[in-house]
Amino acid sequence: MTALPRGWCYELSSVCQEMKSTKKPDPKYRERVFKIVRRIPRGRVMTYGQIAYLLGEGYTPRTVGFVMHGSDDRTPWHRVINSQGRCSTYGLVLPPDKQQRMLEDEGVQFDESGRCDLESLLWKPRRAKSRGTKR
C-alpha cells in the first residue's frame, strides 16, 4: 500500500476550497430546472444530461435528478429520463413502473427492454430570440 504524502489532506482541502470560491452557487438553480421541465410537451422527453447541459458548466445529470426528486405537482417529472431512453425511478418510493406508465399514457412507446426511441421523442427547446436584432 502506498503512503500518501504528508500534508495531502490540507492541500486537497485548500484546492477544494478554492474551487468552491470560484463558482458561486445559483440560488435559483432548482427553479431553473423546473422551468425547463415544465416546457416539455406531452409525449416528449428530455434527459437529465440534456437539462444539465442547458443549465451550463458545473451542473450534472445527477444534480438534475436530485432536483427532480423534490419537484411539485406542477412539474411533469416523468418526462425526464436517462440517456439510454429508460426510466430511472429505482430507489424511490414509487411503483417501479409508474414513470413508464405515465409516459405511455402520453403516447410514448417503450420496447421490451424498457427503452423509448430518443431519436424521435427527445425534445430540444429552442433558444429565446434576442430582441432588437436585425436578421
C-alpha atoms as a PDB file:
ATOM      1  CA  MET A   1       0.000   0.000   0.000  1.00  0.00           C
ATOM      2  CA  THR A   2       1.410   3.391  -0.984  1.00  0.00           C
ATOM      3  CA  ALA A   3       1.516   6.052   1.676  1.00  0.00           C
ATOM      4  CA  LEU A   4       0.075   9.431   0.865  1.00  0.00           C
ATOM      5  CA  PRO A   5       2.462  12.374   1.080  1.00  0.00           C
ATOM      6  CA  ARG A   6       2.490  14.340   4.309  1.00  0.00           C
ATOM      7  CA  GLY A   7       0.100  17.280   4.241  1.00  0.00           C
ATOM      8  CA  TRP A   8      -2.004  15.883   1.371  1.00  0.00           C
ATOM      9  CA  CYS A   9      -5.220  16.429   3.280  1.00  0.00           C
ATOM     10  CA  TYR A  10      -4.530  20.119   3.814  1.00  0.00           C
ATOM     11  CA  GLU A  11      -3.509  20.590   0.170  1.00  0.00           C
ATOM     12  CA  LEU A  12      -6.623  18.827  -1.065  1.00  0.00           C
ATOM     13  CA  SER A  13      -8.917  20.821   1.198  1.00  0.00           C
ATOM     14  CA  SER A  14      -7.368  24.110   0.064  1.00  0.00           C
ATOM     15  CA  VAL A  15      -7.864  23.110  -3.591  1.00  0.00           C
ATOM     16  CA  CYS A  16     -11.494  22.206  -2.869  1.00  0.00           C
ATOM     17  CA  GLN A  17     -11.988  25.495  -1.030  1.00  0.00           C
ATOM     18  CA  GLU A  18     -10.525  27.395  -3.986  1.00  0.00           C
ATOM     19  CA  MET A  19     -12.821  25.541  -6.398  1.00  0.00           C
ATOM     20  CA  LYS A  20     -15.844  26.344  -4.249  1.00  0.00           C
ATOM     21  CA  SER A  21     -14.981  30.011  -4.087  1.00  0.00           C
ATOM     22  CA  THR A  22     -14.547  30.416  -7.865  1.00  0.00           C
ATOM     23  CA  LYS A  23     -18.146  29.443  -8.690  1.00  0.00           C
ATOM     24  CA  LYS A  24     -20.927  30.935  -6.662  1.00  0.00           C
ATOM     25  CA  PRO A  25     -23.953  28.695  -6.133  1.00  0.00           C
ATOM     26  CA  ASP A  26     -27.048  29.650  -8.090  1.00  0.00           C
ATOM     27  CA  PRO A  27     -29.875  30.173  -5.593  1.00  0.00           C
ATOM     28  CA  LYS A  28     -32.407  29.798  -8.419  1.00  0.00           C
ATOM     29  CA  TYR A  29     -30.973  26.510  -9.706  1.00  0.00           C
ATOM     30  CA  ARG A  30     -33.978  24.395  -8.708  1.00  0.00           C
ATOM     31  CA  GLU A  31     -36.442  26.818 -10.282  1.00  0.00           C
ATOM     32  CA  ARG A  32     -34.362  26.902 -13.483  1.00  0.00           C
ATOM     33  CA  VAL A  33     -34.623  23.100 -13.683  1.00  0.00           C
ATOM     34  CA  PHE A  34     -38.375  23.182 -13.066  1.00  0.00           C
ATOM     35  CA  LYS A  35     -38.855  25.935 -15.671  1.00  0.00           C
ATOM     36  CA  ILE A  36     -37.168  23.791 -18.346  1.00  0.00           C
ATOM     37  CA  VAL A  37     -39.079  20.645 -17.383  1.00  0.00           C
ATOM     38  CA  ARG A  38     -42.439  22.442 -17.361  1.00  0.00           C
ATOM     39  CA  ARG A  39     -41.884  23.327 -21.036  1.00  0.00           C
ATOM     40  CA  ILE A  40     -41.530  19.692 -22.178  1.00  0.00           C
ATOM     41  CA  PRO A  41     -44.612  18.888 -24.280  1.00  0.00           C
ATOM     42  CA  ARG A  42     -46.806  15.840 -23.638  1.00  0.00           C
ATOM     43  CA  GLY A  43     -45.448  12.778 -25.387  1.00  0.00           C
ATOM     44  CA  ARG A  44     -41.870  14.111 -25.489  1.00  0.00           C
ATOM     45  CA  VAL A  45     -38.918  13.630 -23.132  1.00  0.00           C
ATOM     46  CA  MET A  46     -35.610  15.188 -22.120  1.00  0.00           C
ATOM     47  CA  THR A  47     -32.632  13.541 -20.443  1.00  0.00           C
ATOM     48  CA  TYR A  48     -31.048  14.513 -17.146  1.00  0.00           C
ATOM     49  CA  GLY A  49     -27.815  15.216 -19.019  1.00  0.00           C
ATOM     50  CA  GLN A  50     -29.534  17.378 -21.595  1.00  0.00           C
ATOM     51  CA  ILE A  51     -31.002  19.575 -18.849  1.00  0.00           C
ATOM     52  CA  ALA A  52     -27.634  19.773 -17.068  1.00  0.00           C
ATOM     53  CA  TYR A  53     -26.029  20.888 -20.344  1.00  0.00           C
ATOM     54  CA  LEU A  54     -28.653  23.617 -20.802  1.00  0.00           C
ATOM     55  CA  LEU A  55     -28.000  24.863 -17.272  1.00  0.00           C
ATOM     56  CA  GLY A  56     -24.312  25.301 -18.024  1.00  0.00           C
ATOM     57  CA  GLU A  57     -20.953  24.459 -16.524  1.00  0.00           C
ATOM     58  CA  GLY A  58     -20.964  22.935 -13.069  1.00  0.00           C
ATOM     59  CA  TYR A  59     -24.275  21.095 -13.340  1.00  0.00           C
ATOM     60  CA  THR A  60     -24.535  17.331 -13.704  1.00  0.00           C
ATOM     61  CA  PRO A  61     -27.248  14.839 -14.621  1.00  0.00           C
ATOM     62  CA  ARG A  62     -27.173  13.594 -11.040  1.00  0.00           C
ATOM     63  CA  THR A  63     -27.898  17.036  -9.580  1.00  0.00           C
ATOM     64  CA  VAL A  64     -30.807  17.410 -12.008  1.00  0.00           C
ATOM     65  CA  GLY A  65     -32.099  14.051 -10.738  1.00  0.00           C
ATOM     66  CA  PHE A  66     -31.911  15.237  -7.143  1.00  0.00           C
ATOM     67  CA  VAL A  67     -33.904  18.334  -8.041  1.00  0.00           C
ATOM     68  CA  MET A  68     -36.497  16.279  -9.911  1.00  0.00           C
ATOM     69  CA  HIS A  69     -36.952  14.083  -6.839  1.00  0.00           C
ATOM     70  CA  GLY A  70     -38.276  17.138  -4.994  1.00  0.00           C
ATOM     71  CA  SER A  71     -40.488  18.504  -7.759  1.00  0.00           C
ATOM     72  CA  ASP A  72     -44.037  19.691  -7.139  1.00  0.00           C
ATOM     73  CA  ASP A  73     -47.300  18.675  -8.821  1.00  0.00           C
ATOM     74  CA  ARG A  74     -46.925  21.389 -11.494  1.00  0.00           C
ATOM     75  CA  THR A  75     -43.725  19.805 -12.810  1.00  0.00           C
ATOM     76  CA  PRO A  76     -44.024  16.833 -15.211  1.00  0.00           C
ATOM     77  CA  TRP A  77     -41.060  14.991 -13.657  1.00  0.00           C
ATOM     78  CA  HIS A  78     -41.928  11.807 -15.544  1.00  0.00           C
ATOM     79  CA  ARG A  79     -40.805  13.406 -18.838  1.00  0.00           C
ATOM     80  CA  VAL A  80     -37.160  13.384 -17.718  1.00  0.00           C
ATOM     81  CA  ILE A  81     -35.403  10.079 -18.388  1.00  0.00           C
ATOM     82  CA  ASN A  82     -31.873   8.751 -18.588  1.00  0.00           C
ATOM     83  CA  SER A  83     -29.561   8.917 -21.601  1.00  0.00           C
ATOM     84  CA  GLN A  84     -30.392   5.341 -22.624  1.00  0.00           C
ATOM     85  CA  GLY A  85     -34.064   6.228 -23.067  1.00  0.00           C
ATOM     86  CA  ARG A  86     -35.112   4.420 -19.890  1.00  0.00           C
ATOM     87  CA  CYS A  87     -36.950   5.492 -16.779  1.00  0.00           C
ATOM     88  CA  SER A  88     -34.799   5.987 -13.684  1.00  0.00           C
ATOM     89  CA  THR A  89     -37.077   5.704 -10.680  1.00  0.00           C
ATOM     90  CA  TYR A  90     -35.262   2.906  -8.857  1.00  0.00           C
ATOM     91  CA  GLY A  91     -34.669   3.668  -5.206  1.00  0.00           C
ATOM     92  CA  LEU A  92     -37.699   5.961  -4.993  1.00  0.00           C
ATOM     93  CA  VAL A  93     -40.858   5.229  -3.059  1.00  0.00           C
ATOM     94  CA  LEU A  94     -42.936   4.713  -6.204  1.00  0.00           C
ATOM     95  CA  PRO A  95     -44.217   1.687  -8.028  1.00  0.00           C
ATOM     96  CA  PRO A  96     -41.241   0.756 -10.246  1.00  0.00           C
ATOM     97  CA  ASP A  97     -43.227   1.182 -13.471  1.00  0.00           C
ATOM     98  CA  LYS A  98     -45.069   4.418 -12.587  1.00  0.00           C
ATOM     99  CA  GLN A  99     -42.923   6.738 -14.732  1.00  0.00           C
ATOM    100  CA  GLN A 100     -43.159   4.437 -17.737  1.00  0.00           C
ATOM    101  CA  ARG A 101     -46.937   4.117 -17.359  1.00  0.00           C
ATOM    102  CA  MET A 102     -47.313   7.898 -17.138  1.00  0.00           C
ATOM    103  CA  LEU A 103     -45.287   8.334 -20.330  1.00  0.00           C
ATOM    104  CA  GLU A 104     -47.218   5.567 -22.090  1.00  0.00           C
ATOM    105  CA  ASP A 105     -50.440   7.423 -21.198  1.00  0.00           C
ATOM    106  CA  GLU A 106     -48.991  10.342 -23.197  1.00  0.00           C
ATOM    107  CA  GLY A 107     -48.240   8.136 -26.205  1.00  0.00           C
ATOM    108  CA  VAL A 108     -44.578   7.320 -25.534  1.00  0.00           C
ATOM    109  CA  GLN A 109     -43.820   3.745 -26.572  1.00  0.00           C
ATOM    110  CA  PHE A 110     -41.207   1.550 -24.932  1.00  0.00           C
ATOM    111  CA  ASP A 111     -39.617  -1.609 -26.317  1.00  0.00           C
ATOM    112  CA  GLU A 112     -39.368  -4.900 -24.426  1.00  0.00           C
ATOM    113  CA  SER A 113     -36.158  -3.751 -22.708  1.00  0.00           C
ATOM    114  CA  GLY A 114     -37.847  -0.603 -21.363  1.00  0.00           C
ATOM    115  CA  ARG A 115     -36.304   1.883 -23.812  1.00  0.00           C
ATOM    116  CA  CYS A 116     -38.060   4.563 -25.795  1.00  0.00           C
ATOM    117  CA  ASP A 117     -36.840   5.961 -29.100  1.00  0.00           C
ATOM    118  CA  LEU A 118     -34.868   9.022 -28.005  1.00  0.00           C
ATOM    119  CA  GLU A 119     -34.129   9.979 -31.597  1.00  0.00           C
ATOM    120  CA  SER A 120     -37.794  10.701 -32.276  1.00  0.00           C
ATOM    121  CA  LEU A 121     -39.011  11.673 -28.777  1.00  0.00           C
ATOM    122  CA  LEU A 122     -36.213  13.876 -27.448  1.00  0.00           C
ATOM    123  CA  TRP A 123     -37.437  17.442 -27.045  1.00  0.00           C
ATOM    124  CA  LYS A 124     -34.924  20.163 -27.872  1.00  0.00           C
ATOM    125  CA  PRO A 125     -36.064  23.558 -26.650  1.00  0.00           C
ATOM    126  CA  ARG A 126     -35.423  26.496 -28.922  1.00  0.00           C
ATOM    127  CA  ARG A 127     -33.266  29.274 -27.628  1.00  0.00           C
ATOM    128  CA  ALA A 128     -35.060  32.526 -26.946  1.00  0.00           C
ATOM    129  CA  LYS A 129     -34.643  35.018 -29.755  1.00  0.00           C
ATOM    130  CA  SER A 130     -32.748  38.185 -28.925  1.00  0.00           C
ATOM    131  CA  ARG A 131     -34.928  41.242 -29.047  1.00  0.00           C
ATOM    132  CA  GLY A 132     -33.938  44.187 -31.168  1.00  0.00           C
ATOM    133  CA  THR A 133     -31.632  42.295 -33.513  1.00  0.00           C
ATOM    134  CA  LYS A 134     -31.994  42.514 -37.274  1.00  0.00           C
ATOM    135  CA  ARG A 135     -31.907  39.480 -39.492  1.00  0.00           C
END
